[in-house]
């Protein structure tokens, strides 16, 4: 009976250790992604900002450029443009969002 109790307690401890050290499989989560304003006049700027969270290393790409060390960028587009945000998290899971900005040409 003693061996059974020791085996049961050992099994419970092993499950608890594995549960505490296993990474969260949800991967990356985009908390917010904005392009403001969405409609601009030619020559004006647009600010693209994002907030991401997740477990493990995250890689953040804006228009295929690594911006993992940033949370926003400002652009002066000359034509309509879409900004794609890709967040690569653990387990090869990628989240992609996009925002389209319309540029009104001067007459």
C-alpha atoms as a PDB file:
ATOM      1  CA  UNK A   1       0.000   0.000   0.000  1.00  0.00           C
ATOM      2  CA  UNK A   2       2.861   2.387   0.748  1.00  0.00           C
ATOM      3  CA  UNK A   3       4.331   1.881  -2.739  1.00  0.00           C
ATOM      4  CA  UNK A   4       0.953   2.722  -4.262  1.00  0.00           C
ATOM      5  CA  UNK A   5       0.726   5.998  -2.311  1.00  0.00           C
ATOM      6  CA  UNK A   6       4.264   6.958  -3.291  1.00  0.00           C
ATOM      7  CA  UNK A   7       3.529   6.196  -6.949  1.00  0.00           C
ATOM      8  CA  UNK A   8       0.268   8.183  -6.827  1.00  0.00           C
ATOM      9  CA  UNK A   9       1.915  11.205  -5.188  1.00  0.00           C
ATOM     10  CA  UNK A  10       4.825  11.027  -7.651  1.00  0.00           C
ATOM     11  CA  UNK A  11       2.407  10.933 -10.591  1.00  0.00           C
ATOM     12  CA  UNK A  12       0.478  13.946  -9.291  1.00  0.00           C
ATOM     13  CA  UNK A  13       3.715  15.911  -8.789  1.00  0.00           C
ATOM     14  CA  UNK A  14       4.885  15.044 -12.298  1.00  0.00           C
ATOM     15  CA  UNK A  15       1.600  16.243 -13.803  1.00  0.00           C
ATOM     16  CA  UNK A  16       1.828  19.478 -11.789  1.00  0.00           C
ATOM     17  CA  UNK A  17       5.415  20.106 -12.928  1.00  0.00           C
ATOM     18  CA  UNK A  18       4.552  19.483 -16.582  1.00  0.00           C
ATOM     19  CA  UNK A  19       1.508  21.757 -16.345  1.00  0.00           C
ATOM     20  CA  UNK A  20       3.614  24.575 -14.900  1.00  0.00           C
ATOM     21  CA  UNK A  21       6.396  24.330 -17.473  1.00  0.00           C
ATOM     22  CA  UNK A  22       4.394  23.767 -20.653  1.00  0.00           C
ATOM     23  CA  UNK A  23       4.056  26.914 -22.775  1.00  0.00           C
ATOM     24  CA  UNK A  24       0.727  28.469 -23.528  1.00  0.00           C
ATOM     25  CA  UNK A  25      -0.317  27.178 -26.974  1.00  0.00           C
ATOM     26  CA  UNK A  26      -2.513  30.158 -27.805  1.00  0.00           C
ATOM     27  CA  UNK A  27       0.495  31.890 -29.317  1.00  0.00           C
ATOM     28  CA  UNK A  28       0.371  35.545 -30.189  1.00  0.00           C
ATOM     29  CA  UNK A  29      -2.602  37.836 -29.711  1.00  0.00           C
ATOM     30  CA  UNK A  30      -3.078  41.228 -31.292  1.00  0.00           C
ATOM     31  CA  UNK A  31      -4.611  43.476 -28.645  1.00  0.00           C
ATOM     32  CA  UNK A  32      -4.995  46.430 -31.017  1.00  0.00           C
ATOM     33  CA  UNK A  33      -4.018  47.452 -34.547  1.00  0.00           C
ATOM     34  CA  UNK A  34      -4.854  50.912 -35.890  1.00  0.00           C
ATOM     35  CA  UNK A  35      -4.117  53.147 -38.846  1.00  0.00           C
ATOM     36  CA  UNK A  36      -5.165  56.704 -38.073  1.00  0.00           C
ATOM     37  CA  UNK A  37      -6.629  58.444 -39.914  1.00  0.00           C
ATOM     38  CA  UNK A  38      -7.975  55.967 -42.470  1.00  0.00           C
ATOM     39  CA  UNK A  39      -8.574  58.728 -45.039  1.00  0.00           C
ATOM     40  CA  UNK A  40      -5.953  61.418 -45.626  1.00  0.00           C
ATOM     41  CA  UNK A  41      -5.233  64.160 -48.139  1.00  0.00           C
ATOM     42  CA  UNK A  42      -2.133  63.775 -50.278  1.00  0.00           C
ATOM     43  CA  UNK A  43       0.902  64.943 -48.265  1.00  0.00           C
ATOM     44  CA  UNK A  44      -0.599  64.148 -44.849  1.00  0.00           C
ATOM     45  CA  UNK A  45       0.701  61.469 -42.509  1.00  0.00           C
ATOM     46  CA  UNK A  46      -0.848  58.324 -41.110  1.00  0.00           C
ATOM     47  CA  UNK A  47       0.209  56.626 -37.888  1.00  0.00           C
ATOM     48  CA  UNK A  48       0.053  52.852 -37.746  1.00  0.00           C
ATOM     49  CA  UNK A  49       0.116  51.469 -34.196  1.00  0.00           C
ATOM     50  CA  UNK A  50      -0.222  48.042 -32.620  1.00  0.00           C
ATOM     51  CA  UNK A  51      -0.121  46.209 -29.331  1.00  0.00           C
ATOM     52  CA  UNK A  52       0.583  42.494 -29.161  1.00  0.00           C
ATOM     53  CA  UNK A  53       0.963  39.975 -26.382  1.00  0.00           C
ATOM     54  CA  UNK A  54       1.725  36.310 -26.067  1.00  0.00           C
ATOM     55  CA  UNK A  55       3.970  33.712 -24.555  1.00  0.00           C
ATOM     56  CA  UNK A  56       7.399  32.934 -25.869  1.00  0.00           C
ATOM     57  CA  UNK A  57       9.230  34.921 -28.498  1.00  0.00           C
ATOM     58  CA  UNK A  58       7.066  37.051 -30.787  1.00  0.00           C
ATOM     59  CA  UNK A  59       8.038  38.476 -34.158  1.00  0.00           C
ATOM     60  CA  UNK A  60       6.058  41.467 -35.414  1.00  0.00           C
ATOM     61  CA  UNK A  61       6.175  42.362 -39.114  1.00  0.00           C
ATOM     62  CA  UNK A  62       4.634  45.442 -40.714  1.00  0.00           C
ATOM     63  CA  UNK A  63       4.621  45.204 -44.509  1.00  0.00           C
ATOM     64  CA  UNK A  64       7.190  42.377 -44.192  1.00  0.00           C
ATOM     65  CA  UNK A  65       9.629  44.498 -42.147  1.00  0.00           C
ATOM     66  CA  UNK A  66      10.536  43.356 -38.623  1.00  0.00           C
ATOM     67  CA  UNK A  67       9.161  45.955 -36.185  1.00  0.00           C
ATOM     68  CA  UNK A  68       9.284  43.781 -33.060  1.00  0.00           C
ATOM     69  CA  UNK A  69      11.015  46.578 -31.145  1.00  0.00           C
ATOM     70  CA  UNK A  70       8.360  49.197 -32.006  1.00  0.00           C
ATOM     71  CA  UNK A  71       4.692  49.860 -31.267  1.00  0.00           C
ATOM     72  CA  UNK A  72       3.980  52.479 -33.967  1.00  0.00           C
ATOM     73  CA  UNK A  73       5.278  54.054 -37.166  1.00  0.00           C
ATOM     74  CA  UNK A  74       4.332  57.142 -39.164  1.00  0.00           C
ATOM     75  CA  UNK A  75       4.080  57.199 -42.954  1.00  0.00           C
ATOM     76  CA  UNK A  76       3.266  59.711 -45.703  1.00  0.00           C
ATOM     77  CA  UNK A  77       1.693  57.551 -48.404  1.00  0.00           C
ATOM     78  CA  UNK A  78       1.201  58.994 -51.884  1.00  0.00           C
ATOM     79  CA  UNK A  79      -1.459  56.504 -52.958  1.00  0.00           C
ATOM     80  CA  UNK A  80      -4.032  54.194 -51.340  1.00  0.00           C
ATOM     81  CA  UNK A  81      -2.209  51.583 -49.304  1.00  0.00           C
ATOM     82  CA  UNK A  82      -2.863  48.571 -47.106  1.00  0.00           C
ATOM     83  CA  UNK A  83      -0.761  48.011 -44.010  1.00  0.00           C
ATOM     84  CA  UNK A  84      -0.425  44.335 -43.095  1.00  0.00           C
ATOM     85  CA  UNK A  85       0.568  43.363 -39.560  1.00  0.00           C
ATOM     86  CA  UNK A  86       1.829  39.799 -39.095  1.00  0.00           C
ATOM     87  CA  UNK A  87       2.549  38.518 -35.609  1.00  0.00           C
ATOM     88  CA  UNK A  88       4.476  35.265 -35.496  1.00  0.00           C
ATOM     89  CA  UNK A  89       4.283  33.450 -32.190  1.00  0.00           C
ATOM     90  CA  UNK A  90       5.269  30.079 -30.851  1.00  0.00           C
ATOM     91  CA  UNK A  91       4.147  26.866 -32.544  1.00  0.00           C
ATOM     92  CA  UNK A  92       4.439  28.510 -35.996  1.00  0.00           C
ATOM     93  CA  UNK A  93       1.152  30.331 -35.468  1.00  0.00           C
ATOM     94  CA  UNK A  94       0.827  33.624 -37.342  1.00  0.00           C
ATOM     95  CA  UNK A  95      -1.902  36.204 -36.870  1.00  0.00           C
ATOM     96  CA  UNK A  96      -2.447  38.638 -39.770  1.00  0.00           C
ATOM     97  CA  UNK A  97      -4.491  41.838 -39.727  1.00  0.00           C
ATOM     98  CA  UNK A  98      -4.650  44.713 -42.191  1.00  0.00           C
ATOM     99  CA  UNK A  99      -5.849  48.289 -42.434  1.00  0.00           C
ATOM    100  CA  UNK A 100      -6.431  50.217 -45.665  1.00  0.00           C
ATOM    101  CA  UNK A 101      -5.652  53.922 -45.890  1.00  0.00           C
ATOM    102  CA  UNK A 102      -7.217  56.005 -48.650  1.00  0.00           C
ATOM    103  CA  UNK A 103      -5.264  58.961 -50.035  1.00  0.00           C
ATOM    104  CA  UNK A 104      -7.274  61.787 -51.610  1.00  0.00           C
ATOM    105  CA  UNK A 105      -5.230  63.304 -54.437  1.00  0.00           C
ATOM    106  CA  UNK A 106      -4.890  67.073 -54.700  1.00  0.00           C
ATOM    107  CA  UNK A 107      -6.608  68.575 -57.734  1.00  0.00           C
END
